[in-house]
Amino acid sequence: MKMLYIMLLLFSLNCYSEEIIVGFEDDDVPVLNEELRKIDTNISDNTASITTNTTNITTNTADIATNVVDIAANTALIGTGGISGWINFNGSGTIAINDSFNVTSIADNGIGLYTITWATDFADANYAVVSTAYLVGAKNPIVAISAIAAGTVQIDINNFDGAAVDPTVISIIAIGDQ
């Protein structure tokens, strides 16, 4: 005898079927019910996996938030220690700025003597300056700071014999509080 009926129970996101029988003989029903129980078990297992993955996502999101806070804290420890100004300029012939950041101007004060004026002054004269120079056809010259103030730095460039020279290219980086 064929029985025709469908019974489904839906619970929120879970699809749970207690029994489905469609056009089968009575002796087929236990086999079908067993298959349905397997489907229900698989749905339950997958729901547990989804819950676990949701927990992992929540945990990872919390870890990301913690890392962002750590980065912010480390940035606070570094303070304003980033590069505050730099310049690359032509030091021979007519001087000219090739590229720069936070520089208003450069002045040629004589052979091998240059003054860089910062667009935004440093908090005081206690900032770090690193400089290098290149002179075509000669050993690289010696670069020294001859004067430093909150708004300017003056560099003096000499060859290895101590004579002032105008290098081909000069680069300066300044780091400090502004």
N, C-alpha and C. Protein backbone atom coordinates (compact mmCIF):
# COMPACT_ATOMS: atom_id res chain seq x y z
N MET A 1 0.84 -1.17 0.00
CA MET A 1 0.00 0.00 0.00
C MET A 1 0.89 1.24 0.00
N LYS A 2 0.57 2.14 -0.87
CA LYS A 2 1.36 3.35 -0.96
C LYS A 2 0.80 4.42 -0.05
N MET A 3 1.72 5.08 0.64
CA MET A 3 1.30 6.16 1.54
C MET A 3 1.86 7.46 0.99
N LEU A 4 1.06 8.46 0.90
CA LEU A 4 1.51 9.74 0.37
C LEU A 4 1.31 10.82 1.42
N TYR A 5 2.38 11.22 2.00
CA TYR A 5 2.32 12.39 2.86
C TYR A 5 3.74 12.90 3.11
N ILE A 6 3.88 14.18 3.40
CA ILE A 6 5.17 14.81 3.69
C ILE A 6 5.03 15.59 4.98
N MET A 7 6.00 15.39 5.83
CA MET A 7 5.98 16.13 7.09
C MET A 7 7.37 16.75 7.28
N LEU A 8 7.44 18.07 7.34
CA LEU A 8 8.71 18.78 7.54
C LEU A 8 8.57 19.74 8.71
N LEU A 9 9.58 19.78 9.51
CA LEU A 9 9.62 20.76 10.58
C LEU A 9 10.81 21.68 10.32
N LEU A 10 10.57 22.97 10.32
CA LEU A 10 11.64 23.94 10.09
C LEU A 10 11.90 24.71 11.37
N PHE A 11 13.14 24.71 11.78
CA PHE A 11 13.54 25.47 12.96
C PHE A 11 14.59 26.48 12.55
N SER A 12 14.30 27.75 12.65
CA SER A 12 15.18 28.87 12.29
C SER A 12 16.12 28.52 11.15
N LEU A 13 17.42 28.36 11.41
CA LEU A 13 18.39 28.07 10.35
C LEU A 13 18.53 26.58 10.09
N ASN A 14 18.05 25.75 11.01
CA ASN A 14 18.15 24.30 10.85
C ASN A 14 16.97 23.79 10.05
N CYS A 15 17.23 22.90 9.15
CA CYS A 15 16.17 22.21 8.45
C CYS A 15 16.15 20.80 9.03
N TYR A 16 15.10 20.45 9.73
CA TYR A 16 15.03 19.16 10.40
C TYR A 16 13.82 18.42 9.86
N SER A 17 14.05 17.24 9.37
CA SER A 17 12.91 16.46 8.87
C SER A 17 12.75 15.22 9.73
N GLU A 18 11.60 15.08 10.27
CA GLU A 18 11.35 13.94 11.15
C GLU A 18 11.04 12.70 10.33
N GLU A 19 10.30 12.90 9.27
CA GLU A 19 9.93 11.74 8.48
C GLU A 19 9.43 12.25 7.13
N ILE A 20 9.95 11.64 6.06
CA ILE A 20 9.46 11.96 4.73
C ILE A 20 9.16 10.64 4.04
N ILE A 21 7.96 10.50 3.61
CA ILE A 21 7.57 9.29 2.90
C ILE A 21 6.78 9.74 1.69
N VAL A 22 7.27 9.37 0.53
CA VAL A 22 6.59 9.78 -0.70
C VAL A 22 6.49 8.56 -1.61
N GLY A 23 5.34 8.01 -1.75
CA GLY A 23 5.09 6.93 -2.70
C GLY A 23 5.94 5.69 -2.53
N PHE A 24 6.22 5.27 -1.32
CA PHE A 24 7.00 4.08 -1.08
C PHE A 24 6.15 3.05 -0.33
N GLU A 25 6.59 1.81 -0.40
CA GLU A 25 5.92 0.75 0.34
C GLU A 25 6.29 0.87 1.81
N ASP A 26 5.49 0.25 2.69
CA ASP A 26 5.70 0.33 4.13
C ASP A 26 7.07 -0.17 4.56
N ASP A 27 7.61 -1.19 3.90
CA ASP A 27 8.91 -1.72 4.31
C ASP A 27 10.07 -0.80 3.91
N ASP A 28 9.83 0.20 3.04
CA ASP A 28 10.86 1.18 2.67
C ASP A 28 11.00 2.29 3.72
N VAL A 29 9.98 2.47 4.55
CA VAL A 29 9.96 3.58 5.50
C VAL A 29 11.13 3.55 6.48
N PRO A 30 11.48 2.46 7.12
CA PRO A 30 12.63 2.48 8.05
C PRO A 30 13.94 2.89 7.37
N VAL A 31 14.14 2.43 6.15
CA VAL A 31 15.36 2.80 5.42
C VAL A 31 15.38 4.30 5.15
N LEU A 32 14.26 4.84 4.71
CA LEU A 32 14.16 6.27 4.44
C LEU A 32 14.35 7.07 5.72
N ASN A 33 13.74 6.65 6.80
CA ASN A 33 13.89 7.36 8.06
C ASN A 33 15.34 7.37 8.53
N GLU A 34 16.05 6.24 8.35
CA GLU A 34 17.46 6.18 8.72
C GLU A 34 18.28 7.18 7.90
N GLU A 35 18.00 7.26 6.61
CA GLU A 35 18.70 8.22 5.74
C GLU A 35 18.40 9.65 6.19
N LEU A 36 17.15 9.91 6.56
CA LEU A 36 16.79 11.24 7.03
C LEU A 36 17.51 11.58 8.33
N ARG A 37 17.65 10.61 9.23
CA ARG A 37 18.37 10.85 10.48
C ARG A 37 19.84 11.21 10.18
N LYS A 38 20.44 10.55 9.17
CA LYS A 38 21.82 10.87 8.78
C LYS A 38 21.91 12.32 8.28
N ILE A 39 20.91 12.71 7.50
CA ILE A 39 20.88 14.10 7.01
C ILE A 39 20.76 15.05 8.19
N ASP A 40 19.86 14.75 9.13
CA ASP A 40 19.69 15.59 10.31
C ASP A 40 20.97 15.68 11.11
N THR A 41 21.69 14.55 11.26
CA THR A 41 22.96 14.53 11.99
C THR A 41 23.98 15.40 11.27
N ASN A 42 24.04 15.27 9.95
CA ASN A 42 24.97 16.10 9.17
C ASN A 42 24.66 17.58 9.33
N ILE A 43 23.38 17.93 9.33
CA ILE A 43 22.99 19.33 9.52
C ILE A 43 23.42 19.80 10.90
N SER A 44 23.21 18.95 11.92
CA SER A 44 23.62 19.32 13.28
C SER A 44 25.13 19.48 13.36
N ASP A 45 25.88 18.55 12.74
CA ASP A 45 27.34 18.65 12.74
C ASP A 45 27.80 19.93 12.05
N ASN A 46 27.18 20.25 10.92
CA ASN A 46 27.56 21.47 10.19
C ASN A 46 27.21 22.72 10.98
N THR A 47 26.08 22.68 11.70
CA THR A 47 25.71 23.81 12.54
C THR A 47 26.75 24.01 13.64
N ALA A 48 27.22 22.90 14.22
CA ALA A 48 28.27 23.00 15.25
C ALA A 48 29.55 23.58 14.64
N SER A 49 29.88 23.16 13.41
CA SER A 49 31.06 23.71 12.73
C SER A 49 30.91 25.20 12.47
N ILE A 50 29.71 25.61 12.08
CA ILE A 50 29.46 27.03 11.84
C ILE A 50 29.63 27.81 13.14
N THR A 51 29.11 27.26 14.24
CA THR A 51 29.26 27.92 15.54
C THR A 51 30.73 28.04 15.91
N THR A 52 31.48 26.95 15.71
CA THR A 52 32.92 26.97 16.00
C THR A 52 33.63 28.00 15.14
N ASN A 53 33.32 28.03 13.84
CA ASN A 53 33.96 29.00 12.94
C ASN A 53 33.58 30.43 13.31
N THR A 54 32.33 30.64 13.72
CA THR A 54 31.92 31.97 14.16
C THR A 54 32.71 32.38 15.39
N THR A 55 32.92 31.44 16.32
CA THR A 55 33.73 31.72 17.51
C THR A 55 35.16 32.06 17.10
N ASN A 56 35.72 31.31 16.14
CA ASN A 56 37.08 31.58 15.66
C ASN A 56 37.17 32.96 15.02
N ILE A 57 36.15 33.33 14.24
CA ILE A 57 36.14 34.65 13.60
C ILE A 57 36.09 35.73 14.69
N THR A 58 35.25 35.52 15.71
CA THR A 58 35.17 36.49 16.79
C THR A 58 36.51 36.61 17.50
N THR A 59 37.15 35.47 17.77
CA THR A 59 38.47 35.47 18.42
C THR A 59 39.49 36.18 17.54
N ASN A 60 39.50 35.87 16.23
CA ASN A 60 40.46 36.52 15.33
C ASN A 60 40.20 38.01 15.23
N THR A 61 38.95 38.41 15.24
CA THR A 61 38.63 39.83 15.21
C THR A 61 39.16 40.51 16.46
N ALA A 62 39.01 39.85 17.61
CA ALA A 62 39.54 40.41 18.86
C ALA A 62 41.06 40.51 18.78
N ASP A 63 41.72 39.49 18.18
CA ASP A 63 43.18 39.52 18.01
C ASP A 63 43.59 40.68 17.12
N ILE A 64 42.84 40.90 16.04
CA ILE A 64 43.15 42.01 15.14
C ILE A 64 43.02 43.34 15.88
N ALA A 65 41.94 43.48 16.66
CA ALA A 65 41.75 44.71 17.43
C ALA A 65 42.91 44.91 18.41
N THR A 66 43.35 43.83 19.05
CA THR A 66 44.49 43.91 19.98
C THR A 66 45.74 44.35 19.23
N ASN A 67 45.98 43.77 18.04
CA ASN A 67 47.16 44.14 17.25
C ASN A 67 47.12 45.60 16.83
N VAL A 68 45.94 46.10 16.48
CA VAL A 68 45.82 47.51 16.11
C VAL A 68 46.17 48.39 17.31
N VAL A 69 45.68 47.99 18.50
CA VAL A 69 46.02 48.74 19.71
C VAL A 69 47.52 48.68 19.96
N ASP A 70 48.14 47.51 19.76
CA ASP A 70 49.59 47.37 19.94
C ASP A 70 50.35 48.28 18.98
N ILE A 71 49.90 48.35 17.72
CA ILE A 71 50.55 49.22 16.75
C ILE A 71 50.43 50.68 17.19
N ALA A 72 49.23 51.06 17.65
CA ALA A 72 49.04 52.43 18.12
C ALA A 72 49.94 52.72 19.31
N ALA A 73 50.06 51.76 20.24
CA ALA A 73 50.92 51.95 21.41
C ALA A 73 52.38 52.08 20.99
N ASN A 74 52.81 51.24 20.03
CA ASN A 74 54.20 51.31 19.57
C ASN A 74 54.47 52.62 18.84
N THR A 75 53.48 53.11 18.09
CA THR A 75 53.65 54.40 17.44
C THR A 75 53.79 55.50 18.48
N ALA A 76 53.02 55.39 19.56
CA ALA A 76 53.13 56.39 20.64
C ALA A 76 54.52 56.34 21.27
N LEU A 77 55.11 55.14 21.38
CA LEU A 77 56.45 55.02 21.95
C LEU A 77 57.49 55.65 21.03
N ILE A 78 57.28 55.50 19.73
CA ILE A 78 58.21 56.09 18.78
C ILE A 78 58.09 57.60 18.81
N GLY A 79 56.89 58.08 19.03
CA GLY A 79 56.66 59.53 19.08
C GLY A 79 56.77 60.14 17.71
N THR A 80 57.36 61.30 17.66
CA THR A 80 57.48 62.01 16.39
C THR A 80 58.85 61.76 15.77
N GLY A 81 59.39 60.58 15.98
CA GLY A 81 60.74 60.24 15.53
C GLY A 81 60.87 59.96 14.06
N GLY A 82 59.85 60.21 13.25
CA GLY A 82 59.97 60.00 11.81
C GLY A 82 60.82 61.08 11.17
N ILE A 83 61.09 60.92 9.91
CA ILE A 83 61.89 61.91 9.19
C ILE A 83 61.08 63.20 9.10
N SER A 84 61.63 64.25 9.62
CA SER A 84 60.93 65.54 9.69
C SER A 84 61.24 66.45 8.51
N GLY A 85 62.35 66.19 7.85
CA GLY A 85 62.71 66.98 6.68
C GLY A 85 63.87 66.33 5.95
N TRP A 86 63.93 66.52 4.64
CA TRP A 86 65.04 66.01 3.86
C TRP A 86 65.19 66.82 2.59
N ILE A 87 66.37 66.74 2.02
CA ILE A 87 66.63 67.45 0.76
C ILE A 87 67.72 66.72 -0.02
N ASN A 88 67.59 66.77 -1.31
CA ASN A 88 68.62 66.31 -2.24
C ASN A 88 68.82 67.47 -3.21
N PHE A 89 70.06 68.00 -3.28
CA PHE A 89 70.26 69.16 -4.15
C PHE A 89 71.60 69.12 -4.87
N ASN A 90 71.65 69.90 -5.95
CA ASN A 90 72.84 70.06 -6.77
C ASN A 90 73.72 71.10 -6.07
N GLY A 91 74.97 70.73 -5.74
CA GLY A 91 75.82 71.64 -4.99
C GLY A 91 76.89 72.33 -5.80
N SER A 92 77.00 72.00 -7.08
CA SER A 92 78.04 72.66 -7.89
C SER A 92 77.40 73.59 -8.91
N GLY A 93 78.13 74.63 -9.28
CA GLY A 93 77.57 75.63 -10.20
C GLY A 93 76.45 76.38 -9.51
N THR A 94 75.33 76.54 -10.20
CA THR A 94 74.15 77.16 -9.58
C THR A 94 73.43 76.09 -8.79
N ILE A 95 73.33 76.27 -7.48
CA ILE A 95 72.68 75.25 -6.66
C ILE A 95 71.19 75.19 -7.00
N ALA A 96 70.64 73.96 -6.89
CA ALA A 96 69.23 73.77 -7.19
C ALA A 96 68.72 72.55 -6.43
N ILE A 97 67.51 72.67 -5.90
CA ILE A 97 66.89 71.55 -5.19
C ILE A 97 66.39 70.53 -6.21
N ASN A 98 66.84 69.27 -6.08
CA ASN A 98 66.33 68.19 -6.93
C ASN A 98 65.01 67.67 -6.40
N ASP A 99 64.94 67.50 -5.08
CA ASP A 99 63.71 67.07 -4.42
C ASP A 99 63.86 67.34 -2.93
N SER A 100 62.74 67.52 -2.24
CA SER A 100 62.83 67.81 -0.80
C SER A 100 61.49 67.62 -0.13
N PHE A 101 61.56 67.62 1.21
CA PHE A 101 60.36 67.60 2.05
C PHE A 101 60.64 68.52 3.24
N ASN A 102 59.73 69.43 3.53
CA ASN A 102 59.82 70.37 4.65
C ASN A 102 61.04 71.29 4.53
N VAL A 103 61.36 71.68 3.33
CA VAL A 103 62.47 72.61 3.09
C VAL A 103 61.92 73.84 2.39
N THR A 104 62.25 75.02 2.93
CA THR A 104 61.85 76.28 2.30
C THR A 104 62.86 76.70 1.25
N SER A 105 64.16 76.61 1.61
CA SER A 105 65.18 77.08 0.68
C SER A 105 66.55 76.55 1.06
N ILE A 106 67.49 76.72 0.13
CA ILE A 106 68.90 76.45 0.39
C ILE A 106 69.69 77.70 0.01
N ALA A 107 70.80 77.91 0.68
CA ALA A 107 71.65 79.06 0.37
C ALA A 107 73.08 78.57 0.17
N ASP A 108 73.73 79.10 -0.84
CA ASP A 108 75.14 78.81 -1.10
C ASP A 108 75.94 79.92 -0.42
N ASN A 109 76.61 79.59 0.68
CA ASN A 109 77.34 80.57 1.47
C ASN A 109 78.83 80.62 1.13
N GLY A 110 79.22 80.00 0.04
CA GLY A 110 80.63 79.93 -0.34
C GLY A 110 80.96 78.51 -0.75
N ILE A 111 82.21 78.27 -1.11
CA ILE A 111 82.60 76.93 -1.56
C ILE A 111 82.41 75.94 -0.41
N GLY A 112 81.60 74.90 -0.67
CA GLY A 112 81.36 73.83 0.29
C GLY A 112 80.55 74.21 1.51
N LEU A 113 79.92 75.37 1.50
CA LEU A 113 79.17 75.81 2.68
C LEU A 113 77.73 76.14 2.27
N TYR A 114 76.77 75.41 2.87
CA TYR A 114 75.36 75.54 2.50
C TYR A 114 74.50 75.66 3.74
N THR A 115 73.41 76.45 3.63
CA THR A 115 72.42 76.55 4.71
C THR A 115 71.08 76.07 4.18
N ILE A 116 70.46 75.16 4.91
CA ILE A 116 69.13 74.64 4.58
C ILE A 116 68.15 75.26 5.57
N THR A 117 67.06 75.83 5.06
CA THR A 117 66.03 76.43 5.91
C THR A 117 64.81 75.53 5.88
N TRP A 118 64.37 75.10 7.07
CA TRP A 118 63.22 74.19 7.19
C TRP A 118 61.92 74.97 7.08
N ALA A 119 60.93 74.40 6.42
CA ALA A 119 59.60 75.02 6.30
C ALA A 119 58.92 75.07 7.67
N THR A 120 59.02 74.01 8.43
CA THR A 120 58.51 73.97 9.80
C THR A 120 59.70 73.79 10.72
N ASP A 121 59.91 74.75 11.60
CA ASP A 121 61.05 74.68 12.52
C ASP A 121 60.95 73.46 13.44
N PHE A 122 62.10 73.00 13.89
CA PHE A 122 62.15 71.96 14.90
C PHE A 122 61.87 72.60 16.26
N ALA A 123 61.58 71.78 17.25
CA ALA A 123 61.26 72.29 18.59
C ALA A 123 62.45 73.04 19.19
N ASP A 124 63.65 72.59 18.85
CA ASP A 124 64.88 73.23 19.32
C ASP A 124 66.02 72.77 18.41
N ALA A 125 67.23 73.05 18.76
CA ALA A 125 68.38 72.68 17.92
C ALA A 125 68.90 71.28 18.22
N ASN A 126 68.14 70.50 18.99
CA ASN A 126 68.59 69.16 19.39
C ASN A 126 68.00 68.06 18.51
N TYR A 127 68.03 68.24 17.22
CA TYR A 127 67.54 67.22 16.30
C TYR A 127 68.73 66.59 15.59
N ALA A 128 68.49 65.43 15.03
CA ALA A 128 69.56 64.69 14.35
C ALA A 128 69.61 65.05 12.88
N VAL A 129 70.82 65.19 12.36
CA VAL A 129 71.02 65.48 10.94
C VAL A 129 72.01 64.47 10.39
N VAL A 130 71.66 63.87 9.28
CA VAL A 130 72.54 62.94 8.58
C VAL A 130 72.72 63.50 7.18
N SER A 131 73.96 63.52 6.71
CA SER A 131 74.22 64.09 5.40
C SER A 131 75.28 63.29 4.66
N THR A 132 75.19 63.32 3.36
CA THR A 132 76.19 62.69 2.51
C THR A 132 76.33 63.53 1.25
N ALA A 133 77.46 63.36 0.59
CA ALA A 133 77.69 64.13 -0.64
C ALA A 133 78.45 63.27 -1.63
N TYR A 134 78.29 63.61 -2.91
CA TYR A 134 78.96 62.90 -3.99
C TYR A 134 79.66 63.92 -4.88
N LEU A 135 80.91 63.66 -5.16
CA LEU A 135 81.70 64.55 -6.02
C LEU A 135 82.23 63.73 -7.18
N VAL A 136 81.81 64.06 -8.40
CA VAL A 136 82.22 63.32 -9.59
C VAL A 136 83.75 63.39 -9.73
N GLY A 137 84.35 62.21 -10.00
CA GLY A 137 85.78 62.15 -10.27
C GLY A 137 86.68 62.26 -9.06
N ALA A 138 86.14 62.20 -7.86
CA ALA A 138 86.97 62.32 -6.65
C ALA A 138 86.41 61.41 -5.57
N LYS A 139 87.21 61.20 -4.54
CA LYS A 139 86.71 60.45 -3.40
C LYS A 139 85.55 61.24 -2.80
N ASN A 140 84.63 60.52 -2.21
CA ASN A 140 83.50 61.22 -1.60
C ASN A 140 83.99 62.18 -0.53
N PRO A 141 83.45 63.38 -0.53
CA PRO A 141 83.90 64.40 0.42
C PRO A 141 83.42 64.14 1.84
N ILE A 142 83.96 64.88 2.77
CA ILE A 142 83.57 64.81 4.17
C ILE A 142 82.55 65.91 4.44
N VAL A 143 81.42 65.53 5.03
CA VAL A 143 80.34 66.47 5.32
C VAL A 143 80.25 66.64 6.83
N ALA A 144 80.21 67.89 7.28
CA ALA A 144 80.09 68.18 8.72
C ALA A 144 79.04 69.25 8.94
N ILE A 145 78.41 69.20 10.10
CA ILE A 145 77.47 70.26 10.48
C ILE A 145 78.30 71.38 11.09
N SER A 146 78.16 72.58 10.52
CA SER A 146 78.93 73.70 11.06
C SER A 146 78.08 74.60 11.95
N ALA A 147 76.74 74.54 11.81
CA ALA A 147 75.84 75.31 12.67
C ALA A 147 74.46 74.67 12.59
N ILE A 148 73.76 74.68 13.73
CA ILE A 148 72.40 74.12 13.75
C ILE A 148 71.53 74.99 14.64
N ALA A 149 70.32 75.27 14.16
CA ALA A 149 69.31 76.03 14.90
C ALA A 149 67.96 75.37 14.63
N ALA A 150 66.93 75.79 15.34
CA ALA A 150 65.61 75.18 15.16
C ALA A 150 65.11 75.29 13.72
N GLY A 151 65.44 76.39 13.04
CA GLY A 151 64.91 76.62 11.70
C GLY A 151 65.90 76.39 10.57
N THR A 152 67.16 76.14 10.87
CA THR A 152 68.17 75.98 9.82
C THR A 152 69.26 75.00 10.26
N VAL A 153 69.95 74.48 9.27
CA VAL A 153 71.16 73.70 9.50
C VAL A 153 72.17 74.13 8.44
N GLN A 154 73.42 74.31 8.86
CA GLN A 154 74.48 74.71 7.92
C GLN A 154 75.48 73.56 7.86
N ILE A 155 75.84 73.17 6.63
CA ILE A 155 76.82 72.10 6.46
C ILE A 155 78.05 72.63 5.74
N ASP A 156 79.16 72.01 6.06
CA ASP A 156 80.48 72.38 5.52
C ASP A 156 81.03 71.12 4.86
N ILE A 157 81.46 71.23 3.62
CA ILE A 157 81.92 70.06 2.88
C ILE A 157 83.37 70.28 2.41
N ASN A 158 84.21 69.28 2.75
CA ASN A 158 85.64 69.35 2.41
C ASN A 158 86.09 68.05 1.76
N ASN A 159 87.18 68.14 0.99
CA ASN A 159 87.77 66.92 0.46
C ASN A 159 88.67 66.30 1.53
N PHE A 160 89.37 65.21 1.21
CA PHE A 160 90.19 64.53 2.21
C PHE A 160 91.43 65.33 2.62
N ASP A 161 91.78 66.31 1.82
CA ASP A 161 92.92 67.18 2.17
C ASP A 161 92.50 68.36 3.02
N GLY A 162 91.19 68.50 3.27
CA GLY A 162 90.70 69.59 4.11
C GLY A 162 90.27 70.83 3.34
N ALA A 163 90.36 70.80 2.02
CA ALA A 163 89.95 71.95 1.21
C ALA A 163 88.44 71.90 0.94
N ALA A 164 87.80 73.06 1.01
CA ALA A 164 86.37 73.15 0.74
C ALA A 164 86.08 72.80 -0.72
N VAL A 165 85.00 72.04 -0.94
CA VAL A 165 84.61 71.63 -2.30
C VAL A 165 83.09 71.76 -2.46
N ASP A 166 82.69 71.98 -3.70
CA ASP A 166 81.26 71.97 -4.03
C ASP A 166 80.92 70.62 -4.66
N PRO A 167 80.27 69.74 -3.93
CA PRO A 167 79.94 68.42 -4.47
C PRO A 167 78.88 68.48 -5.56
N THR A 168 78.81 67.41 -6.34
CA THR A 168 77.82 67.31 -7.40
C THR A 168 76.42 67.19 -6.80
N VAL A 169 76.26 66.29 -5.84
CA VAL A 169 74.96 66.05 -5.20
C VAL A 169 75.14 65.99 -3.69
N ILE A 170 74.22 66.60 -2.95
CA ILE A 170 74.24 66.58 -1.50
C ILE A 170 72.85 66.13 -1.04
N SER A 171 72.83 65.22 -0.04
CA SER A 171 71.57 64.74 0.54
C SER A 171 71.63 64.91 2.04
N ILE A 172 70.51 65.40 2.61
CA ILE A 172 70.44 65.65 4.06
C ILE A 172 69.10 65.13 4.55
N ILE A 173 69.13 64.47 5.71
CA ILE A 173 67.92 64.00 6.39
C ILE A 173 67.95 64.57 7.81
N ALA A 174 66.80 65.06 8.29
CA ALA A 174 66.71 65.58 9.65
C ALA A 174 65.57 64.88 10.37
N ILE A 175 65.85 64.49 11.63
CA ILE A 175 64.86 63.77 12.44
C ILE A 175 64.79 64.44 13.81
N GLY A 176 63.57 64.77 14.24
CA GLY A 176 63.41 65.39 15.55
C GLY A 176 62.01 65.92 15.77
N ASP A 177 61.76 66.40 16.98
CA ASP A 177 60.46 66.97 17.32
C ASP A 177 60.30 68.36 16.69
N GLN A 178 59.08 68.62 16.24
CA GLN A 178 58.80 69.93 15.65
C GLN A 178 57.67 70.61 16.38
